[in-house]
Amino acid sequence: MCGIFAYLNHEVPRTRKEIFETLVNGLRRLEYRGYDSAGVAVDGPNKLMTDLNSKAIVLIKKKGKVKALDEALYKQDSLDLDEVLCTHFGISHTRWATHGEPSPVNSHPHRSDKNNGNLRESIG
């Protein structure tokens, strides 16, 4: 079974570290549901922005327990944990494999865009 936890703020400043702590704590409360991998998707750092109207989305995913994901979050060199975000959206997700083996690639959350071949083929 999967567990999904979202956390968003509008004009409520939070550091990236506080955001990670909230997302991981949300997943910990869902661990009883059973899972084999976990991941988060968060707004990326402003320096990754290529267009003023869009923000980069950072995906961090791990096979195994929420604890492994929690440890991986703090090893991301490209993310400043002290960066304050006034507005942000983040989602954390656990996955129980029903399709594909447990791995970071198959872990949730996933992102899709116009270049996602699987999505195009499913829609027709």
C-alpha atoms as a PDB file:
ATOM      1  CA  MET A   1       0.000   0.000   0.000  1.00  0.00           C
ATOM      2  CA  CYS A   2       1.201   3.531  -0.685  1.00  0.00           C
ATOM      3  CA  GLY A   3       1.233   6.531   1.595  1.00  0.00           C
ATOM      4  CA  ILE A   4       1.228  10.131   0.384  1.00  0.00           C
ATOM      5  CA  PHE A   5       1.886  13.260   2.436  1.00  0.00           C
ATOM      6  CA  ALA A   6       1.903  16.798   1.022  1.00  0.00           C
ATOM      7  CA  TYR A   7       3.145  19.982   2.649  1.00  0.00           C
ATOM      8  CA  LEU A   8       2.708  23.444   1.219  1.00  0.00           C
ATOM      9  CA  ASN A   9       3.011  26.977   2.512  1.00  0.00           C
ATOM     10  CA  HIS A  10       2.121  30.299   0.985  1.00  0.00           C
ATOM     11  CA  GLU A  11       4.111  33.221   2.352  1.00  0.00           C
ATOM     12  CA  VAL A  12       5.086  31.294   5.488  1.00  0.00           C
ATOM     13  CA  PRO A  13       8.900  31.203   5.456  1.00  0.00           C
ATOM     14  CA  ARG A  14      10.461  27.788   6.134  1.00  0.00           C
ATOM     15  CA  THR A  15      13.988  26.524   5.646  1.00  0.00           C
ATOM     16  CA  ARG A  16      14.513  23.590   3.332  1.00  0.00           C
ATOM     17  CA  LYS A  17      15.565  21.591   6.405  1.00  0.00           C
ATOM     18  CA  GLU A  18      12.223  22.324   8.119  1.00  0.00           C
ATOM     19  CA  ILE A  19      10.398  21.296   4.948  1.00  0.00           C
ATOM     20  CA  PHE A  20      12.314  17.990   4.784  1.00  0.00           C
ATOM     21  CA  GLU A  21      11.624  17.317   8.471  1.00  0.00           C
ATOM     22  CA  THR A  22       7.886  17.873   7.967  1.00  0.00           C
ATOM     23  CA  LEU A  23       7.724  15.672   4.855  1.00  0.00           C
ATOM     24  CA  VAL A  24       9.669  12.829   6.489  1.00  0.00           C
ATOM     25  CA  ASN A  25       7.628  13.051   9.695  1.00  0.00           C
ATOM     26  CA  GLY A  26       4.469  12.747   7.596  1.00  0.00           C
ATOM     27  CA  LEU A  27       5.819   9.540   6.031  1.00  0.00           C
ATOM     28  CA  ARG A  28       6.818   8.140   9.418  1.00  0.00           C
ATOM     29  CA  ARG A  29       3.192   8.421  10.501  1.00  0.00           C
ATOM     30  CA  LEU A  30       2.226   6.324   7.465  1.00  0.00           C
ATOM     31  CA  GLU A  31       4.843   3.578   7.886  1.00  0.00           C
ATOM     32  CA  TYR A  32       2.280   1.159   9.337  1.00  0.00           C
ATOM     33  CA  ARG A  33       0.799   0.844   5.843  1.00  0.00           C
ATOM     34  CA  GLY A  34       3.738  -1.164   4.510  1.00  0.00           C
ATOM     35  CA  TYR A  35       6.088  -0.087   1.727  1.00  0.00           C
ATOM     36  CA  ASP A  36       9.397  -0.916   0.047  1.00  0.00           C
ATOM     37  CA  SER A  37      10.665   2.506  -1.025  1.00  0.00           C
ATOM     38  CA  ALA A  38      10.105   6.196  -0.417  1.00  0.00           C
ATOM     39  CA  GLY A  39      10.758   9.541  -2.036  1.00  0.00           C
ATOM     40  CA  VAL A  40      10.117  13.264  -1.988  1.00  0.00           C
ATOM     41  CA  ALA A  41       9.566  15.941  -4.602  1.00  0.00           C
ATOM     42  CA  VAL A  42      10.275  19.529  -3.564  1.00  0.00           C
ATOM     43  CA  ASP A  43      10.780  22.926  -5.128  1.00  0.00           C
ATOM     44  CA  GLY A  44      14.373  23.178  -6.246  1.00  0.00           C
ATOM     45  CA  PRO A  45      16.819  25.929  -5.429  1.00  0.00           C
ATOM     46  CA  ASN A  46      16.374  29.233  -7.215  1.00  0.00           C
ATOM     47  CA  LYS A  47      19.788  28.872  -8.863  1.00  0.00           C
ATOM     48  CA  LEU A  48      18.426  25.891 -10.851  1.00  0.00           C
ATOM     49  CA  MET A  49      15.643  27.987 -12.369  1.00  0.00           C
ATOM     50  CA  THR A  50      15.946  28.397 -16.124  1.00  0.00           C
ATOM     51  CA  ASP A  51      12.814  30.488 -16.517  1.00  0.00           C
ATOM     52  CA  LEU A  52      11.416  33.016 -14.055  1.00  0.00           C
ATOM     53  CA  ASN A  53       7.961  31.448 -14.434  1.00  0.00           C
ATOM     54  CA  SER A  54       9.029  27.913 -13.576  1.00  0.00           C
ATOM     55  CA  LYS A  55      10.910  26.287 -10.731  1.00  0.00           C
ATOM     56  CA  ALA A  56      12.987  23.176 -10.866  1.00  0.00           C
ATOM     57  CA  ILE A  57      11.544  20.170  -9.071  1.00  0.00           C
ATOM     58  CA  VAL A  58      13.997  18.032  -7.172  1.00  0.00           C
ATOM     59  CA  LEU A  59      13.216  14.310  -6.785  1.00  0.00           C
ATOM     60  CA  ILE A  60      15.008  12.287  -4.125  1.00  0.00           C
ATOM     61  CA  LYS A  61      14.075   8.595  -3.952  1.00  0.00           C
ATOM     62  CA  LYS A  62      15.426   5.590  -2.068  1.00  0.00           C
ATOM     63  CA  LYS A  63      14.752   1.884  -1.859  1.00  0.00           C
ATOM     64  CA  GLY A  64      14.070   0.749   1.692  1.00  0.00           C
ATOM     65  CA  LYS A  65      12.811   2.474   4.799  1.00  0.00           C
ATOM     66  CA  VAL A  66      11.928   6.121   5.390  1.00  0.00           C
ATOM     67  CA  LYS A  67      15.102   6.347   7.480  1.00  0.00           C
ATOM     68  CA  ALA A  68      17.204   5.722   4.330  1.00  0.00           C
ATOM     69  CA  LEU A  69      15.357   8.527   2.542  1.00  0.00           C
ATOM     70  CA  ASP A  70      15.817  10.834   5.534  1.00  0.00           C
ATOM     71  CA  GLU A  71      19.575  10.223   5.490  1.00  0.00           C
ATOM     72  CA  ALA A  72      19.759  10.799   1.724  1.00  0.00           C
ATOM     73  CA  LEU A  73      17.986  14.152   1.967  1.00  0.00           C
ATOM     74  CA  TYR A  74      20.813  15.636   3.985  1.00  0.00           C
ATOM     75  CA  LYS A  75      23.503  14.400   1.591  1.00  0.00           C
ATOM     76  CA  GLN A  76      22.291  16.449  -1.372  1.00  0.00           C
ATOM     77  CA  ASP A  77      25.149  18.782  -2.298  1.00  0.00           C
ATOM     78  CA  SER A  78      22.981  20.839  -4.647  1.00  0.00           C
ATOM     79  CA  LEU A  79      20.471  21.777  -1.939  1.00  0.00           C
ATOM     80  CA  ASP A  80      21.105  24.462   0.665  1.00  0.00           C
ATOM     81  CA  LEU A  81      19.306  23.251   3.797  1.00  0.00           C
ATOM     82  CA  ASP A  82      19.358  26.764   5.255  1.00  0.00           C
ATOM     83  CA  GLU A  83      17.696  28.337   2.203  1.00  0.00           C
ATOM     84  CA  VAL A  84      14.438  29.982   3.259  1.00  0.00           C
ATOM     85  CA  LEU A  85      11.470  29.447   0.960  1.00  0.00           C
ATOM     86  CA  CYS A  86       8.528  31.802   1.479  1.00  0.00           C
ATOM     87  CA  THR A  87       6.226  29.726  -0.698  1.00  0.00           C
ATOM     88  CA  HIS A  88       6.774  26.071  -1.493  1.00  0.00           C
ATOM     89  CA  PHE A  89       5.135  22.760  -2.285  1.00  0.00           C
ATOM     90  CA  GLY A  90       6.504  19.363  -1.375  1.00  0.00           C
ATOM     91  CA  ILE A  91       5.181  15.825  -1.493  1.00  0.00           C
ATOM     92  CA  SER A  92       6.492  12.651   0.100  1.00  0.00           C
ATOM     93  CA  HIS A  93       5.408   9.194  -0.978  1.00  0.00           C
ATOM     94  CA  THR A  94       5.938   5.586   0.032  1.00  0.00           C
ATOM     95  CA  ARG A  95       5.446   2.746  -2.455  1.00  0.00           C
ATOM     96  CA  TRP A  96       4.625  -0.923  -2.228  1.00  0.00           C
ATOM     97  CA  ALA A  97       5.807  -2.555  -5.461  1.00  0.00           C
ATOM     98  CA  THR A  98       2.968  -3.847  -7.574  1.00  0.00           C
ATOM     99  CA  HIS A  99       4.776  -3.185 -10.849  1.00  0.00           C
ATOM    100  CA  GLY A 100       8.547  -3.209 -11.230  1.00  0.00           C
ATOM    101  CA  GLU A 101      11.118  -4.164  -8.637  1.00  0.00           C
ATOM    102  CA  PRO A 102      11.817  -1.960  -5.609  1.00  0.00           C
ATOM    103  CA  SER A 103      14.484   0.532  -6.720  1.00  0.00           C
ATOM    104  CA  PRO A 104      15.095   4.286  -6.700  1.00  0.00           C
ATOM    105  CA  VAL A 105      13.965   4.499 -10.341  1.00  0.00           C
ATOM    106  CA  ASN A 106      10.628   2.825  -9.562  1.00  0.00           C
ATOM    107  CA  SER A 107      10.144   4.683  -6.274  1.00  0.00           C
ATOM    108  CA  HIS A 108       7.515   7.387  -6.054  1.00  0.00           C
ATOM    109  CA  PRO A 109       6.891  10.221  -6.605  1.00  0.00           C
ATOM    110  CA  HIS A 110       7.319  10.350 -10.374  1.00  0.00           C
ATOM    111  CA  ARG A 111       7.121  13.329 -12.637  1.00  0.00           C
ATOM    112  CA  SER A 112       5.736  13.465 -16.126  1.00  0.00           C
ATOM    113  CA  ASP A 113       5.973  15.858 -19.013  1.00  0.00           C
ATOM    114  CA  LYS A 114       5.529  15.877 -22.763  1.00  0.00           C
ATOM    115  CA  ASN A 115       8.580  13.623 -23.179  1.00  0.00           C
ATOM    116  CA  ASN A 116       7.278  10.811 -20.951  1.00  0.00           C
ATOM    117  CA  GLY A 117       6.895   7.966 -23.446  1.00  0.00           C
ATOM    118  CA  ASN A 118       5.029   5.664 -21.072  1.00  0.00           C
ATOM    119  CA  LEU A 119       2.399   8.299 -20.437  1.00  0.00           C
ATOM    120  CA  ARG A 120       1.953   8.976 -24.164  1.00  0.00           C
ATOM    121  CA  GLU A 121       1.613   5.284 -24.944  1.00  0.00           C
ATOM    122  CA  SER A 122      -0.920   4.741 -22.163  1.00  0.00           C
ATOM    123  CA  ILE A 123      -3.111   7.579 -23.369  1.00  0.00           C
ATOM    124  CA  GLY A 124      -2.878   6.477 -26.973  1.00  0.00           C
END
